[in-house]
N, C-alpha and C. Protein backbone atom coordinates (compact mmCIF):
# COMPACT_ATOMS: atom_id res chain seq x y z
N SER A 1 24.00 30.89 3.93
CA SER A 1 23.29 30.34 5.10
C SER A 1 23.92 31.25 6.34
N ALA A 2 22.96 30.87 7.38
CA ALA A 2 23.37 31.69 8.69
C ALA A 2 24.90 30.91 9.11
N ASP A 3 25.03 29.97 8.91
CA ASP A 3 26.14 29.32 9.27
C ASP A 3 27.55 29.66 8.81
N SER A 4 27.29 30.39 7.70
CA SER A 4 28.45 31.24 7.18
C SER A 4 28.95 32.45 8.04
N PHE A 5 28.15 32.66 8.89
CA PHE A 5 28.28 33.92 9.53
C PHE A 5 28.55 33.73 11.25
N MET A 6 28.42 32.48 11.27
CA MET A 6 28.30 31.88 12.77
C MET A 6 27.38 32.63 13.93
N VAL A 7 26.36 32.87 13.32
CA VAL A 7 25.58 33.62 14.13
C VAL A 7 24.50 32.67 14.97
N ASN A 8 24.58 31.75 14.47
CA ASN A 8 24.11 30.47 15.50
C ASN A 8 24.86 29.55 15.90
N HIS A 9 26.04 29.91 16.09
CA HIS A 9 27.09 29.40 17.06
C HIS A 9 27.02 28.65 18.10
N SER A 10 26.27 29.39 19.28
CA SER A 10 26.12 28.86 20.57
C SER A 10 25.19 29.89 21.29
N LYS A 11 24.56 29.44 22.48
CA LYS A 11 23.73 30.55 23.10
C LYS A 11 24.86 31.54 23.78
N ALA A 12 25.80 30.99 24.09
CA ALA A 12 26.68 31.91 24.91
C ALA A 12 27.36 32.87 23.97
N TYR A 13 27.58 32.62 22.70
CA TYR A 13 27.83 33.35 21.66
C TYR A 13 26.95 34.26 21.35
N THR A 14 25.64 33.83 21.26
CA THR A 14 24.69 34.81 20.84
C THR A 14 24.47 35.92 22.10
N ALA A 15 24.72 35.68 23.13
CA ALA A 15 24.59 36.36 24.61
C ALA A 15 25.64 37.15 24.24
N ALA A 16 26.68 36.81 23.99
CA ALA A 16 27.87 37.74 23.95
C ALA A 16 27.99 38.74 22.93
N ALA A 17 27.50 38.47 21.96
CA ALA A 17 27.26 39.41 20.80
C ALA A 17 26.26 40.39 20.92
N LEU A 18 25.27 39.73 21.59
CA LEU A 18 23.92 40.65 21.78
C LEU A 18 24.23 41.65 22.86
N THR A 19 24.99 41.31 23.88
CA THR A 19 25.42 42.27 24.93
C THR A 19 26.26 43.20 24.54
N SER A 20 27.31 42.81 23.77
CA SER A 20 28.07 44.02 22.98
C SER A 20 27.51 44.80 22.16
N MET A 21 26.44 44.32 21.37
CA MET A 21 25.53 45.39 20.92
C MET A 21 24.74 46.35 21.61
N VAL A 22 24.02 45.86 22.53
CA VAL A 22 23.62 46.87 23.65
C VAL A 22 24.56 47.76 24.26
N GLU A 23 25.75 47.52 24.40
CA GLU A 23 26.63 48.05 25.06
C GLU A 23 26.89 49.13 24.08
N PHE A 24 27.31 48.94 23.14
CA PHE A 24 27.44 49.89 22.08
C PHE A 24 26.56 50.81 21.87
N ILE A 25 25.11 50.50 21.84
CA ILE A 25 24.09 51.49 21.71
C ILE A 25 23.81 52.32 22.76
N ILE A 26 24.22 51.58 23.91
CA ILE A 26 23.89 52.57 24.86
C ILE A 26 25.13 53.50 25.09
N ARG A 27 26.27 53.06 24.62
CA ARG A 27 27.48 54.37 24.84
C ARG A 27 27.54 55.33 23.82
N ILE A 28 26.92 54.87 22.61
CA ILE A 28 26.94 56.03 21.41
C ILE A 28 26.13 56.84 21.79
N ASN A 29 24.89 56.54 22.26
CA ASN A 29 23.78 57.31 22.48
C ASN A 29 23.65 58.00 24.06
N PHE A 30 23.99 57.67 24.82
CA PHE A 30 24.16 58.18 26.18
C PHE A 30 25.32 58.92 26.73
N PHE A 31 26.27 58.44 26.29
CA PHE A 31 27.80 58.90 26.48
C PHE A 31 28.57 59.22 25.21
N PRO A 32 27.87 60.40 24.60
CA PRO A 32 28.90 60.66 23.00
C PRO A 32 30.22 61.16 23.45
N SER A 33 30.37 61.79 24.58
CA SER A 33 31.88 62.66 24.97
C SER A 33 32.69 61.15 25.03
N HIS A 34 32.51 60.12 25.25
CA HIS A 34 33.38 59.05 25.49
C HIS A 34 33.90 58.39 24.20
N ASN A 35 33.26 58.97 23.00
CA ASN A 35 33.33 58.28 21.91
C ASN A 35 34.24 58.94 21.11
N SER A 36 35.41 58.32 20.12
CA SER A 36 36.51 58.70 19.66
C SER A 36 36.21 58.16 18.07
N PRO A 37 36.30 59.18 17.26
CA PRO A 37 36.31 59.08 16.13
C PRO A 37 37.46 58.06 15.72
N LYS A 38 38.52 58.41 16.07
CA LYS A 38 39.80 57.53 15.76
C LYS A 38 39.66 55.72 16.16
N ILE A 39 39.51 55.69 17.12
CA ILE A 39 39.25 54.23 17.86
C ILE A 39 38.16 53.79 16.97
N PHE A 40 36.94 54.32 16.33
CA PHE A 40 35.80 53.98 15.88
C PHE A 40 36.24 53.56 14.19
N LEU A 41 36.94 54.31 13.83
CA LEU A 41 37.91 53.94 12.52
C LEU A 41 38.79 52.84 12.24
N VAL A 42 39.50 52.70 13.64
CA VAL A 42 40.62 51.71 13.82
C VAL A 42 39.28 50.36 13.87
N GLY A 43 38.29 50.09 14.92
CA GLY A 43 37.51 49.24 14.93
C GLY A 43 36.58 49.16 13.61
N ILE A 44 36.27 49.78 12.83
CA ILE A 44 35.71 49.66 11.28
C ILE A 44 37.01 48.92 10.65
N LEU A 45 38.09 49.52 10.44
CA LEU A 45 39.23 48.79 9.74
C LEU A 45 39.44 47.39 10.28
N CYS A 46 39.54 46.93 11.59
CA CYS A 46 39.80 45.53 11.89
C CYS A 46 38.64 44.69 11.30
N ALA A 47 37.48 45.23 11.49
CA ALA A 47 36.27 44.49 11.23
C ALA A 47 36.37 44.03 9.67
N VAL A 48 36.57 45.06 8.86
CA VAL A 48 36.44 45.03 7.41
C VAL A 48 37.70 44.12 6.89
N CYS A 49 38.78 44.69 7.52
CA CYS A 49 39.92 43.85 7.27
C CYS A 49 39.90 42.08 7.62
N GLY A 50 39.35 42.03 8.92
CA GLY A 50 39.10 40.40 9.20
C GLY A 50 37.85 39.79 8.32
N GLN A 51 36.91 40.44 8.02
CA GLN A 51 36.11 39.94 7.21
C GLN A 51 36.81 39.51 5.88
N LEU A 52 37.33 40.43 5.38
CA LEU A 52 38.09 40.10 3.89
C LEU A 52 39.23 39.10 4.00
N CYS A 53 39.61 38.94 5.12
CA CYS A 53 40.63 37.84 5.31
C CYS A 53 39.98 36.59 5.42
N ARG A 54 38.88 36.41 6.07
CA ARG A 54 37.98 35.22 6.35
C ARG A 54 37.47 34.81 4.93
N ALA A 55 36.81 35.88 4.20
CA ALA A 55 36.35 35.64 3.02
C ALA A 55 37.06 34.95 2.01
N ALA A 56 38.52 35.38 1.88
CA ALA A 56 39.51 35.11 0.96
C ALA A 56 39.89 33.62 1.59
N ALA A 57 39.98 33.36 2.75
CA ALA A 57 40.07 31.68 3.15
C ALA A 57 38.84 30.66 2.54
N MET A 58 37.69 31.27 2.89
CA MET A 58 36.55 30.42 2.14
C MET A 58 36.48 30.28 0.83
N ILE A 59 37.11 31.47 0.33
CA ILE A 59 36.93 31.35 -1.34
C ILE A 59 38.19 30.42 -1.82
N THR A 60 39.56 30.53 -1.13
CA THR A 60 40.65 29.82 -1.48
C THR A 60 40.15 28.53 -1.70
N CYS A 61 39.72 28.23 -0.37
CA CYS A 61 39.47 26.55 -0.02
C CYS A 61 38.38 25.87 -0.96
N GLY A 62 37.26 26.82 -0.85
CA GLY A 62 36.14 25.92 -1.74
C GLY A 62 35.32 25.01 -1.10
N GLU A 63 35.26 24.11 -1.79
CA GLU A 63 34.77 22.86 -0.84
C GLU A 63 35.57 22.54 0.30
N SER A 64 36.65 22.45 0.31
CA SER A 64 37.37 22.10 1.49
C SER A 64 37.22 22.92 2.71
N PHE A 65 36.79 24.15 2.54
CA PHE A 65 36.46 24.77 3.69
C PHE A 65 35.34 24.19 4.46
N ASN A 66 35.16 24.36 6.12
CA ASN A 66 34.25 24.13 6.83
C ASN A 66 34.33 24.97 8.05
N HIS A 67 33.33 25.18 8.41
CA HIS A 67 33.04 26.16 9.95
C HIS A 67 33.26 25.61 11.07
N TYR A 68 33.30 24.10 10.86
CA TYR A 68 33.55 23.08 12.07
C TYR A 68 34.75 22.56 11.85
N ILE A 69 35.36 21.80 13.14
CA ILE A 69 36.38 21.14 13.07
C ILE A 69 36.10 19.80 12.70
N GLN A 70 36.66 18.88 11.67
CA GLN A 70 36.09 17.84 11.28
C GLN A 70 36.90 16.78 11.74
N ARG A 71 36.38 15.67 11.85
CA ARG A 71 37.17 14.78 12.74
C ARG A 71 37.74 13.48 11.75
N ASN A 72 36.83 13.53 10.37
CA ASN A 72 37.27 12.83 9.44
C ASN A 72 37.47 13.27 8.04
N LYS A 73 38.34 12.93 7.22
CA LYS A 73 38.65 13.57 6.13
C LYS A 73 37.72 13.21 5.28
N LYS A 74 37.26 14.15 4.29
CA LYS A 74 36.31 13.80 3.18
C LYS A 74 37.24 13.39 2.21
N ASP A 75 36.51 12.48 1.17
CA ASP A 75 37.14 12.10 -0.03
C ASP A 75 37.92 13.27 -1.19
N ASN A 76 37.09 14.55 -0.87
CA ASN A 76 37.33 15.31 -2.04
C ASN A 76 38.24 16.55 -1.25
N HIS A 77 38.43 16.19 0.17
CA HIS A 77 39.56 17.40 0.53
C HIS A 77 40.57 17.28 -0.06
N VAL A 78 41.26 18.72 0.17
CA VAL A 78 42.66 18.64 -0.20
C VAL A 78 43.27 19.90 0.60
N LEU A 79 44.82 19.75 0.81
CA LEU A 79 45.28 20.70 1.44
C LEU A 79 45.53 21.73 0.55
N VAL A 80 45.12 23.10 1.28
CA VAL A 80 45.30 24.32 0.46
C VAL A 80 46.69 24.98 0.79
N THR A 81 47.39 25.43 -0.16
CA THR A 81 48.50 26.06 0.11
C THR A 81 48.98 27.13 -0.85
N LYS A 82 47.85 27.71 -1.69
CA LYS A 82 48.00 28.82 -2.26
C LYS A 82 47.12 30.03 -1.88
N GLY A 83 47.17 31.21 -2.58
CA GLY A 83 46.55 31.97 -2.13
C GLY A 83 46.67 32.75 -0.69
N ILE A 84 45.72 32.66 -0.10
CA ILE A 84 46.14 33.49 1.28
C ILE A 84 46.61 32.35 2.09
N TYR A 85 46.44 31.29 2.06
CA TYR A 85 47.02 30.29 2.63
C TYR A 85 48.57 30.21 2.63
N SER A 86 49.31 30.79 1.57
CA SER A 86 50.71 30.85 1.46
C SER A 86 51.08 32.04 1.91
N ILE A 87 50.21 33.12 2.58
CA ILE A 87 50.90 33.69 3.74
C ILE A 87 50.60 33.62 5.04
N LEU A 88 49.31 33.18 5.31
CA LEU A 88 48.85 33.04 6.86
C LEU A 88 48.51 31.60 7.08
N ARG A 89 48.91 30.96 7.83
CA ARG A 89 48.65 29.33 8.29
C ARG A 89 47.05 29.28 8.43
N HIS A 90 46.46 30.06 9.33
CA HIS A 90 45.00 29.83 9.59
C HIS A 90 44.21 31.34 9.18
N PRO A 91 44.13 31.41 8.03
CA PRO A 91 43.56 33.07 7.80
C PRO A 91 42.16 33.27 8.12
N SER A 92 41.64 32.27 8.31
CA SER A 92 39.88 32.00 8.69
C SER A 92 39.87 32.36 9.90
N TYR A 93 40.78 31.80 10.94
CA TYR A 93 40.65 32.09 12.48
C TYR A 93 41.26 33.31 12.57
N THR A 94 42.39 33.78 11.66
CA THR A 94 42.95 35.22 11.93
C THR A 94 41.98 36.47 11.83
N GLY A 95 41.01 36.24 10.37
CA GLY A 95 39.98 36.90 9.97
C GLY A 95 38.69 37.13 11.00
N PHE A 96 38.62 36.03 11.46
CA PHE A 96 37.58 36.16 12.40
C PHE A 96 37.65 36.64 13.76
N TYR A 97 38.98 36.60 14.12
CA TYR A 97 39.85 36.92 15.36
C TYR A 97 39.69 38.48 15.24
N TYR A 98 40.14 39.00 14.30
CA TYR A 98 40.42 40.89 14.16
C TYR A 98 38.84 41.13 13.80
N TRP A 99 37.96 40.56 13.55
CA TRP A 99 36.58 40.96 12.99
C TRP A 99 35.64 40.80 14.26
N ALA A 100 36.32 40.03 15.19
CA ALA A 100 35.35 40.17 16.33
C ALA A 100 36.09 41.26 17.37
N VAL A 101 37.11 41.53 17.37
CA VAL A 101 37.90 42.54 18.19
C VAL A 101 37.02 43.75 17.90
């Protein structure tokens, strides 16, 4: 669902995402001399690695993963310490951060 991608997170998030997309389109089309292939590749690498990290967190957690902070513990919730969680404390947040950069 759209919740998995956080595209309906909030009006402020949607405005920020749309603004960044418009800025990118304007810059790439009207200011091509300011575009660096190296920086573009670093950005793509950050986005792909961030998405892979976040996806690994979701897959590892299974039903224990939630996109929103929970105030109450579900009966079937378990603490996950295997997989990517044995390397990173908050891989979903880490992945989202690098994806958003």
